[in-house]
C-alpha cells in the first residue's frame, strides 16, 4: 500500500496529497499526519469520497490513516 508522508504540512496540502495518492492508487493508501486539523480534514475528505478510514496513533502527534475502499 502506498504511503504518503504529510507530516509538517499545513492544510489543505495533506488533503491534496491524499487526493493525488488515491488517484494513483484507488484501492487505498496510508497517510501520515501530525496535527488534528489535517487528521480531521483528510478523514472527512476520504469518507466523502466513499472510502473507509482507520486511524492509528503513533509517536507524539503522528497518526497513520489507512484509507481503503
Protein backbone atom coordinates (compact mmCIF):
# COMPACT_ATOMS: atom_id res chain seq x y z
CA UNK A 1 0.00 0.00 0.00
CA UNK A 2 1.34 3.42 -0.96
CA UNK A 3 2.28 5.64 1.99
CA UNK A 4 2.12 9.43 1.90
CA UNK A 5 4.01 11.44 4.49
CA UNK A 6 2.09 14.67 5.10
CA UNK A 7 3.69 15.39 8.48
CA UNK A 8 4.66 19.02 8.91
CA UNK A 9 2.31 20.15 6.13
CA UNK A 10 -0.44 22.72 6.66
CA UNK A 11 -3.91 22.22 5.26
CA UNK A 12 -5.06 21.97 2.57
CA UNK A 13 -1.81 20.31 1.44
CA UNK A 14 -2.38 16.95 3.25
CA UNK A 15 -5.84 16.68 1.65
CA UNK A 16 -4.43 17.45 -1.80
CA UNK A 17 -1.66 14.89 -1.26
CA UNK A 18 -4.25 12.27 -0.23
CA UNK A 19 -6.39 13.10 -3.25
CA UNK A 20 -3.42 12.65 -5.61
CA UNK A 21 -2.44 9.42 -3.84
CA UNK A 22 -5.92 7.96 -4.24
CA UNK A 23 -5.97 8.94 -7.89
CA UNK A 24 -2.73 6.98 -8.42
CA UNK A 25 -3.72 4.10 -6.12
CA UNK A 26 -7.55 3.95 -5.98
CA UNK A 27 -7.61 0.72 -3.92
CA UNK A 28 -6.18 2.56 -0.91
CA UNK A 29 -3.31 4.47 0.68
CA UNK A 30 -1.79 5.28 4.06
CA UNK A 31 -1.35 8.92 5.06
CA UNK A 32 0.83 10.11 7.94
CA UNK A 33 -0.30 13.38 9.59
CA UNK A 34 0.87 15.18 12.71
CA UNK A 35 -1.86 17.66 13.57
CA UNK A 36 -5.55 17.49 14.46
CA UNK A 37 -6.69 19.74 11.60
CA UNK A 38 -5.04 17.55 8.94
CA UNK A 39 -6.36 14.42 10.67
CA UNK A 40 -9.93 15.73 10.55
CA UNK A 41 -9.73 17.16 7.05
CA UNK A 42 -8.15 14.10 5.41
CA UNK A 43 -10.61 11.81 7.22
CA UNK A 44 -13.59 13.91 6.08
CA UNK A 45 -12.32 14.09 2.50
CA UNK A 46 -11.81 10.31 2.28
CA UNK A 47 -15.19 9.48 3.81
CA UNK A 48 -16.97 11.92 1.49
CA UNK A 49 -15.20 10.22 -1.45
CA UNK A 50 -16.62 6.85 -0.36
CA UNK A 51 -13.58 5.42 1.43
CA UNK A 52 -13.25 3.76 4.84
CA UNK A 53 -10.74 5.40 7.18
CA UNK A 54 -8.91 3.78 10.07
CA UNK A 55 -6.75 5.99 12.29
CA UNK A 56 -3.85 4.62 14.32
CA UNK A 57 -1.97 6.82 16.79
CA UNK A 58 1.81 6.78 16.52
CA UNK A 59 4.64 8.57 18.29
CA UNK A 60 3.83 12.04 19.57
CA UNK A 61 1.10 13.68 17.49
CA UNK A 62 1.58 11.38 14.50
CA UNK A 63 -1.43 9.46 13.21
CA UNK A 64 -1.49 6.92 10.40
CA UNK A 65 -4.67 7.00 8.35
CA UNK A 66 -5.36 3.81 6.41
CA UNK A 67 -7.78 4.72 3.62
CA UNK A 68 -9.44 1.85 1.72
CA UNK A 69 -12.47 1.24 -0.48
